[in-house]
Amino acid sequence: MVNKIKKRFVAGAVCPKCKAQDSIMLYFENNVEKIECVHCDYHESQVDKKVSSASKGSTGVIGVFKPE
């Protein structure tokens, strides 16, 4: 079975790369919001806020192992 992805155009949106108006479409793929331009190869992904906040750290260290 093929999983259909519902794509929607964003009215009035301008592509940051080619500057074409009304060419940006928005869709979700694996719970990731994606936008894509139909005129050029521009695309961008945005993950859920929970994921991006969990992956950002001030030190960049995931954890410290301290053997006893």
Protein backbone atom coordinates (compact mmCIF):
# COMPACT_ATOMS: atom_id res chain seq x y z
CA MET A 1 0.00 0.00 0.00
CA VAL A 2 1.30 3.43 -0.94
CA ASN A 3 1.07 6.13 1.74
CA LYS A 4 -0.23 9.37 0.19
CA ILE A 5 1.19 12.66 1.44
CA LYS A 6 -1.19 15.61 1.37
CA LYS A 7 0.63 18.65 -0.04
CA ARG A 8 -0.74 22.18 0.25
CA PHE A 9 0.36 25.40 -1.42
CA VAL A 10 1.07 28.37 0.85
CA ALA A 11 -0.77 31.38 -0.58
CA GLY A 12 1.42 34.43 -1.07
CA ALA A 13 4.62 32.66 -0.01
CA VAL A 14 7.80 33.64 -1.86
CA CYS A 15 10.63 31.17 -2.41
CA PRO A 16 13.80 32.41 -0.66
CA LYS A 17 15.97 30.98 -3.46
CA CYS A 18 14.27 31.83 -6.78
CA LYS A 19 11.86 34.52 -5.47
CA ALA A 20 8.86 32.93 -7.24
CA GLN A 21 5.54 33.73 -5.57
CA ASP A 22 2.92 31.04 -4.83
CA SER A 23 5.39 28.23 -5.55
CA ILE A 24 5.92 26.90 -2.00
CA MET A 25 4.12 23.74 -0.94
CA LEU A 26 3.91 22.43 2.62
CA TYR A 27 3.60 18.79 3.69
CA PHE A 28 4.37 16.42 6.56
CA GLU A 29 6.56 13.36 6.11
CA ASN A 30 7.27 11.10 9.12
CA ASN A 31 6.01 13.85 11.48
CA VAL A 32 8.50 16.33 10.02
CA GLU A 33 7.15 19.53 8.46
CA LYS A 34 8.69 20.16 5.04
CA ILE A 35 8.41 22.92 2.47
CA GLU A 36 9.44 22.70 -1.15
CA CYS A 37 9.48 25.04 -4.15
CA VAL A 38 7.93 23.69 -7.35
CA HIS A 39 10.02 26.03 -9.55
CA CYS A 40 13.52 25.34 -8.21
CA ASP A 41 15.22 22.74 -6.01
CA TYR A 42 14.73 24.67 -2.72
CA HIS A 43 13.52 22.58 0.23
CA GLU A 44 13.56 22.93 3.99
CA SER A 45 12.61 20.70 6.94
CA GLN A 46 11.51 21.65 10.42
CA VAL A 47 11.34 19.14 13.23
CA ASP A 48 8.98 19.26 16.19
CA LYS A 49 9.90 21.79 18.90
CA LYS A 50 10.28 18.99 21.45
CA VAL A 51 12.95 17.32 19.33
CA SER A 52 14.91 20.50 18.59
CA SER A 53 14.87 21.62 22.24
CA ALA A 54 16.04 18.21 23.43
CA SER A 55 18.91 18.12 20.94
CA LYS A 56 20.26 21.57 21.81
CA GLY A 57 22.59 21.78 24.75
CA SER A 58 24.74 24.56 26.04
CA THR A 59 27.81 22.36 26.42
CA GLY A 60 27.24 19.94 23.57
CA VAL A 61 27.85 17.01 25.93
CA ILE A 62 25.23 14.26 26.02
CA GLY A 63 26.38 12.72 29.27
CA VAL A 64 29.40 12.05 31.43
CA PHE A 65 30.34 8.54 32.50
CA LYS A 66 31.82 8.35 36.00
CA PRO A 67 32.93 4.84 37.04
CA GLU A 68 32.85 4.09 40.76
